[in-house]
Every structure is written in structure tokens, then in C-alpha cells.
């Protein structure tokens, strides 16, 4: 028994709907997995900070932000991070351009060599 053309179209529409639903579920699962990985990474990295600097436990969020901004987010800190990224051949998610990483590293190194510090 052969299906009519309209039945075939209906079957294809049903398959399309199933695939769209599957696509949506896969995207949701991917988002969930990304959030879990981010949470694990944040907890792990903050744990390392507290391991080497236990006094961080007692400071406020504002004090912690100031510590990061003034102690780590410096020319030297950005330079070291760029060097580490370059060695790993990893493109940071927010940059997406390997030439930008190399250029930033070169710029910071040139500033450091000239004796300009923040």
C-alpha cells in the first residue's frame, strides 16, 4: 500500500517537528553543561586563590574586586596572561582573534621594557 503525496508531506512535517524539538533539547543540555563547567571552574579557581592567600576569606566582595583590579589587572598581569595563552595556543572566548592576543602581548612587553609601570 503506497502513501499519498499528502501523507508523505505530513510524515516529513512530523519529522521536522521532532528534529526541531531534539535540536531545542540539545541546545538546552549544552547550555546546562556550559553553566556547570563555569561553576566548577569558578569554584576551583577561587579555591586556589584562598589556598595561597587565606586572608581573602575575610575580605568583602568590594575589597576582593579592588585586590583583583589593583593587584592582578596590571600591565604585568595582562602580559603574563597573554604569554600563558600564547604558549597554550588558546584563543580567549572574548577576543576570538589570535593576532590580537599576540599584539596585546607585544604592546605590554614593549611598555614594560620602556620602564612604564602602572
N, C-alpha and C. Protein backbone atom coordinates (compact mmCIF):
# COMPACT_ATOMS: atom_id res chain seq x y z
N UNK A 1 0.83 -1.17 0.00
CA UNK A 1 0.00 0.00 0.00
C UNK A 1 0.89 1.25 0.00
N UNK A 2 0.71 2.07 -0.95
CA UNK A 2 1.53 3.25 -1.15
C UNK A 2 0.88 4.47 -0.50
N UNK A 3 1.70 5.31 0.09
CA UNK A 3 1.21 6.53 0.73
C UNK A 3 0.96 7.59 -0.34
N UNK A 4 -0.02 8.41 -0.07
CA UNK A 4 -0.27 9.52 -0.99
C UNK A 4 0.79 10.59 -0.76
N UNK A 5 0.86 11.50 -1.67
CA UNK A 5 1.84 12.59 -1.54
C UNK A 5 1.56 13.43 -0.31
N UNK A 6 0.32 13.65 0.02
CA UNK A 6 -0.04 14.44 1.20
C UNK A 6 0.37 13.71 2.48
N UNK A 7 0.26 12.38 2.50
CA UNK A 7 0.69 11.61 3.66
C UNK A 7 2.21 11.70 3.83
N UNK A 8 2.91 11.66 2.70
CA UNK A 8 4.36 11.79 2.75
C UNK A 8 4.77 13.17 3.28
N UNK A 9 4.06 14.21 2.82
CA UNK A 9 4.34 15.57 3.29
C UNK A 9 4.07 15.65 4.79
N UNK A 10 2.99 15.05 5.24
CA UNK A 10 2.65 15.04 6.66
C UNK A 10 3.73 14.33 7.48
N UNK A 11 4.22 13.22 6.96
CA UNK A 11 5.30 12.49 7.65
C UNK A 11 6.56 13.35 7.76
N UNK A 12 6.88 14.04 6.69
CA UNK A 12 8.07 14.90 6.69
C UNK A 12 7.88 16.05 7.67
N UNK A 13 6.69 16.64 7.70
CA UNK A 13 6.40 17.71 8.67
C UNK A 13 6.57 17.20 10.09
N UNK A 14 6.13 15.99 10.34
CA UNK A 14 6.25 15.39 11.67
C UNK A 14 7.73 15.18 12.02
N UNK A 15 8.51 14.72 11.06
CA UNK A 15 9.96 14.53 11.28
C UNK A 15 10.63 15.87 11.56
N UNK A 16 10.22 16.90 10.83
CA UNK A 16 10.79 18.24 11.05
C UNK A 16 10.49 18.71 12.47
N UNK A 17 9.26 18.52 12.91
CA UNK A 17 8.89 18.92 14.26
C UNK A 17 9.70 18.16 15.30
N UNK A 18 9.90 16.86 15.08
CA UNK A 18 10.69 16.05 16.01
C UNK A 18 12.14 16.53 16.05
N UNK A 19 12.70 16.83 14.88
CA UNK A 19 14.08 17.30 14.82
C UNK A 19 14.23 18.68 15.49
N UNK A 20 13.24 19.56 15.31
CA UNK A 20 13.29 20.87 15.98
C UNK A 20 13.27 20.70 17.49
N UNK A 21 12.43 19.80 17.96
CA UNK A 21 12.35 19.54 19.40
C UNK A 21 13.67 18.97 19.91
N UNK A 22 14.24 18.05 19.15
CA UNK A 22 15.52 17.45 19.53
C UNK A 22 16.63 18.52 19.55
N UNK A 23 16.62 19.40 18.55
CA UNK A 23 17.60 20.49 18.48
C UNK A 23 17.46 21.39 19.71
N UNK A 24 16.23 21.73 20.07
CA UNK A 24 16.00 22.57 21.25
C UNK A 24 16.51 21.89 22.52
N UNK A 25 16.24 20.60 22.67
CA UNK A 25 16.69 19.87 23.85
C UNK A 25 18.21 19.81 23.91
N UNK A 26 18.85 19.59 22.76
CA UNK A 26 20.32 19.56 22.73
C UNK A 26 20.92 20.92 23.10
N UNK A 27 20.31 21.99 22.62
CA UNK A 27 20.80 23.33 22.97
C UNK A 27 20.64 23.60 24.47
N UNK A 28 19.51 23.18 25.02
CA UNK A 28 19.30 23.36 26.46
C UNK A 28 20.33 22.56 27.26
N UNK A 29 20.60 21.33 26.84
CA UNK A 29 21.58 20.49 27.53
C UNK A 29 22.97 21.10 27.43
N UNK A 30 23.29 21.64 26.24
CA UNK A 30 24.59 22.28 26.06
C UNK A 30 24.73 23.48 27.00
N UNK A 31 23.68 24.30 27.09
CA UNK A 31 23.71 25.45 27.99
C UNK A 31 23.88 25.01 29.44
N UNK A 32 23.18 23.95 29.81
CA UNK A 32 23.28 23.43 31.18
C UNK A 32 24.70 22.93 31.45
N UNK A 33 25.28 22.21 30.49
CA UNK A 33 26.65 21.72 30.64
C UNK A 33 27.65 22.88 30.75
N UNK A 34 27.44 23.93 29.95
CA UNK A 34 28.32 25.10 29.99
C UNK A 34 28.24 25.78 31.36
N UNK A 35 27.04 25.92 31.90
CA UNK A 35 26.88 26.55 33.22
C UNK A 35 27.56 25.71 34.31
N UNK A 36 27.40 24.39 34.23
CA UNK A 36 28.05 23.52 35.21
C UNK A 36 29.56 23.65 35.14
N UNK A 37 30.10 23.67 33.91
CA UNK A 37 31.55 23.79 33.74
C UNK A 37 32.05 25.14 34.27
N UNK A 38 31.29 26.20 34.02
CA UNK A 38 31.68 27.53 34.51
C UNK A 38 31.66 27.56 36.03
N UNK A 39 30.62 27.02 36.63
CA UNK A 39 30.53 27.00 38.09
C UNK A 39 31.69 26.22 38.69
N UNK A 40 32.01 25.07 38.09
CA UNK A 40 33.12 24.26 38.59
C UNK A 40 34.44 25.03 38.46
N UNK A 41 34.62 25.70 37.32
CA UNK A 41 35.85 26.46 37.09
C UNK A 41 35.97 27.61 38.10
N UNK A 42 34.86 28.34 38.31
CA UNK A 42 34.90 29.45 39.26
C UNK A 42 35.22 28.98 40.67
N UNK A 43 34.57 27.90 41.10
CA UNK A 43 34.82 27.37 42.45
C UNK A 43 36.26 26.89 42.59
N UNK A 44 36.75 26.19 41.58
CA UNK A 44 38.10 25.65 41.61
C UNK A 44 39.14 26.78 41.68
N UNK A 45 38.96 27.79 40.84
CA UNK A 45 39.94 28.87 40.79
C UNK A 45 39.90 29.72 42.05
N UNK A 46 38.71 29.97 42.57
CA UNK A 46 38.64 30.75 43.81
C UNK A 46 39.23 29.93 44.96
N UNK A 47 39.02 28.63 44.93
CA UNK A 47 39.62 27.77 45.94
C UNK A 47 41.13 27.85 45.92
N UNK A 48 41.71 27.91 44.72
CA UNK A 48 43.16 28.06 44.61
C UNK A 48 43.62 29.39 45.19
N UNK A 49 42.87 30.45 44.90
CA UNK A 49 43.22 31.76 45.46
C UNK A 49 43.22 31.71 46.99
N UNK A 50 42.17 31.12 47.57
CA UNK A 50 42.09 31.05 49.02
C UNK A 50 43.15 30.13 49.61
N UNK A 51 43.57 29.13 48.84
CA UNK A 51 44.61 28.22 49.32
C UNK A 51 45.93 28.99 49.51
N UNK A 52 46.27 29.83 48.54
CA UNK A 52 47.54 30.54 48.61
C UNK A 52 47.44 31.88 49.34
N UNK A 53 46.22 32.39 49.47
CA UNK A 53 46.01 33.67 50.15
C UNK A 53 44.80 33.54 51.06
N UNK A 54 44.95 32.86 52.20
CA UNK A 54 43.80 32.60 53.08
C UNK A 54 43.11 33.86 53.61
N UNK A 55 43.80 34.98 53.64
CA UNK A 55 43.18 36.22 54.11
C UNK A 55 42.05 36.70 53.20
N UNK A 56 41.99 36.17 51.99
CA UNK A 56 40.90 36.56 51.08
C UNK A 56 39.54 36.16 51.64
N UNK A 57 39.51 35.17 52.50
CA UNK A 57 38.25 34.68 53.06
C UNK A 57 37.54 35.76 53.85
N UNK A 58 38.29 36.60 54.53
CA UNK A 58 37.68 37.57 55.45
C UNK A 58 37.36 38.91 54.83
N UNK A 59 37.77 39.16 53.59
CA UNK A 59 37.52 40.47 52.99
C UNK A 59 36.17 40.49 52.28
N UNK A 60 35.63 41.68 52.08
CA UNK A 60 34.33 41.84 51.41
C UNK A 60 34.51 41.68 49.90
N UNK A 61 33.38 41.59 49.21
CA UNK A 61 33.42 41.48 47.75
C UNK A 61 34.04 42.72 47.12
N UNK A 62 33.74 43.88 47.67
CA UNK A 62 34.30 45.12 47.15
C UNK A 62 35.82 45.15 47.33
N UNK A 63 36.29 44.68 48.49
CA UNK A 63 37.73 44.64 48.75
C UNK A 63 38.40 43.62 47.82
N UNK A 64 37.72 42.51 47.58
CA UNK A 64 38.26 41.49 46.68
C UNK A 64 38.38 42.05 45.26
N UNK A 65 37.35 42.77 44.83
CA UNK A 65 37.39 43.37 43.49
C UNK A 65 38.54 44.36 43.38
N UNK A 66 38.74 45.16 44.42
CA UNK A 66 39.84 46.13 44.44
C UNK A 66 41.18 45.39 44.38
N UNK A 67 41.29 44.30 45.12
CA UNK A 67 42.52 43.49 45.10
C UNK A 67 42.81 42.98 43.69
N UNK A 68 41.78 42.45 43.04
CA UNK A 68 41.96 41.92 41.67
C UNK A 68 42.36 43.05 40.73
N UNK A 69 41.63 44.16 40.81
CA UNK A 69 41.88 45.27 39.91
C UNK A 69 43.27 45.87 40.08
N UNK A 70 43.69 46.05 41.32
CA UNK A 70 44.98 46.71 41.55
C UNK A 70 46.15 45.74 41.67
N UNK A 71 45.87 44.52 42.05
CA UNK A 71 46.97 43.57 42.26
C UNK A 71 47.24 42.66 41.09
N UNK A 72 46.21 42.37 40.33
CA UNK A 72 46.38 41.40 39.24
C UNK A 72 46.13 42.03 37.88
N UNK A 73 45.14 42.89 37.77
CA UNK A 73 44.80 43.51 36.49
C UNK A 73 45.72 44.69 36.24
N UNK A 74 46.99 44.37 36.00
CA UNK A 74 48.01 45.37 35.74
C UNK A 74 48.66 45.05 34.40
N UNK A 75 49.53 45.90 33.95
CA UNK A 75 50.26 45.61 32.70
C UNK A 75 50.99 44.29 32.81
N UNK A 76 51.65 44.09 33.95
CA UNK A 76 52.39 42.85 34.13
C UNK A 76 51.44 41.65 34.14
N UNK A 77 50.32 41.75 34.84
CA UNK A 77 49.36 40.65 34.90
C UNK A 77 48.81 40.32 33.52
N UNK A 78 48.45 41.34 32.75
CA UNK A 78 47.93 41.10 31.39
C UNK A 78 49.02 40.50 30.50
N UNK A 79 50.26 40.95 30.69
CA UNK A 79 51.37 40.42 29.91
C UNK A 79 51.58 38.93 30.20
N UNK A 80 51.59 38.58 31.49
CA UNK A 80 51.77 37.17 31.87
C UNK A 80 50.65 36.31 31.33
N UNK A 81 49.41 36.80 31.41
CA UNK A 81 48.27 36.05 30.89
C UNK A 81 48.40 35.86 29.38
N UNK A 82 48.79 36.90 28.67
CA UNK A 82 48.96 36.80 27.22
C UNK A 82 50.06 35.79 26.87
N UNK A 83 51.14 35.77 27.65
CA UNK A 83 52.21 34.80 27.42
C UNK A 83 51.72 33.37 27.64
N UNK A 84 50.96 33.17 28.71
CA UNK A 84 50.43 31.83 29.01
C UNK A 84 49.49 31.38 27.91
N UNK A 85 48.61 32.28 27.47
CA UNK A 85 47.68 31.95 26.40
C UNK A 85 48.43 31.62 25.12
N UNK A 86 49.44 32.42 24.80
CA UNK A 86 50.21 32.19 23.57
C UNK A 86 50.91 30.83 23.61
N UNK A 87 51.44 30.44 24.78
CA UNK A 87 52.10 29.14 24.90
C UNK A 87 51.12 27.99 24.70
N UNK A 88 49.88 28.17 25.13
CA UNK A 88 48.87 27.12 25.04
C UNK A 88 48.16 27.11 23.70
N UNK A 89 48.41 28.12 22.87
CA UNK A 89 47.70 28.26 21.60
C UNK A 89 46.19 28.25 21.80
N UNK A 90 45.74 28.98 22.82
CA UNK A 90 44.33 29.08 23.16
C UNK A 90 43.86 30.48 22.83
N UNK A 91 42.69 30.57 22.23
CA UNK A 91 42.11 31.87 21.93
C UNK A 91 41.07 32.17 23.00
N UNK A 92 41.25 33.23 23.76
CA UNK A 92 40.26 33.56 24.78
C UNK A 92 38.89 33.79 24.13
N UNK A 93 37.85 33.41 24.84
CA UNK A 93 36.50 33.48 24.30
C UNK A 93 36.09 34.91 23.96
N UNK A 94 36.55 35.88 24.73
CA UNK A 94 36.11 37.25 24.50
C UNK A 94 36.96 37.97 23.46
N UNK A 95 38.04 37.37 22.99
CA UNK A 95 38.88 38.03 21.99
C UNK A 95 38.60 37.44 20.62
N UNK A 96 38.77 36.13 20.48
CA UNK A 96 38.45 35.48 19.22
C UNK A 96 39.41 35.78 18.08
N UNK A 97 40.49 36.50 18.36
CA UNK A 97 41.42 36.88 17.31
C UNK A 97 42.84 36.65 17.81
N UNK A 98 43.52 35.58 17.31
CA UNK A 98 44.86 35.27 17.82
C UNK A 98 45.86 36.39 17.60
N UNK A 99 45.69 37.18 16.53
CA UNK A 99 46.61 38.29 16.31
C UNK A 99 46.46 39.35 17.39
N UNK A 100 45.24 39.51 17.90
CA UNK A 100 45.00 40.50 18.96
C UNK A 100 45.75 40.10 20.22
N UNK A 101 45.76 38.81 20.55
CA UNK A 101 46.47 38.34 21.74
C UNK A 101 47.95 38.61 21.59
N UNK A 102 48.51 38.25 20.44
CA UNK A 102 49.93 38.46 20.19
C UNK A 102 50.25 39.95 20.22
N UNK A 103 49.41 40.78 19.59
CA UNK A 103 49.64 42.22 19.56
C UNK A 103 49.59 42.80 20.97
N UNK A 104 48.58 42.39 21.77
CA UNK A 104 48.48 42.86 23.15
C UNK A 104 49.73 42.50 23.94
N UNK A 105 50.20 41.27 23.77
CA UNK A 105 51.39 40.81 24.49
C UNK A 105 52.60 41.64 24.08
N UNK A 106 52.75 41.88 22.77
CA UNK A 106 53.87 42.68 22.28
C UNK A 106 53.80 44.11 22.82
N UNK A 107 52.59 44.68 22.83
CA UNK A 107 52.43 46.05 23.33
C UNK A 107 52.81 46.14 24.80
N UNK A 108 52.34 45.20 25.60
CA UNK A 108 52.61 45.23 27.04
C UNK A 108 54.09 45.00 27.30
N UNK A 109 54.70 44.07 26.56
CA UNK A 109 56.13 43.82 26.75
C UNK A 109 56.94 45.07 26.40
N UNK A 110 56.55 45.77 25.35
CA UNK A 110 57.26 46.98 24.96
C UNK A 110 57.11 48.04 26.05
N UNK A 111 55.91 48.16 26.62
CA UNK A 111 55.70 49.12 27.70
C UNK A 111 56.54 48.76 28.92
N UNK A 112 56.61 47.46 29.24
CA UNK A 112 57.39 47.01 30.39
C UNK A 112 58.87 47.28 30.19
N UNK A 113 59.36 47.07 28.97
CA UNK A 113 60.76 47.30 28.69
C UNK A 113 61.13 48.77 28.76
N UNK A 114 60.15 49.63 28.44
CA UNK A 114 60.43 51.06 28.47
C UNK A 114 60.41 51.63 29.89
N UNK A 115 60.00 50.78 30.86
CA UNK A 115 60.01 51.21 32.25
C UNK A 115 58.72 51.86 32.69
N UNK A 116 57.69 51.83 31.86
CA UNK A 116 56.39 52.38 32.20
C UNK A 116 55.60 51.38 33.00
N UNK A 117 55.34 51.66 34.28
CA UNK A 117 54.54 50.77 35.13
C UNK A 117 53.32 51.51 35.60
N UNK A 118 52.25 50.74 35.88
CA UNK A 118 51.04 51.35 36.45
C UNK A 118 51.21 51.52 37.93
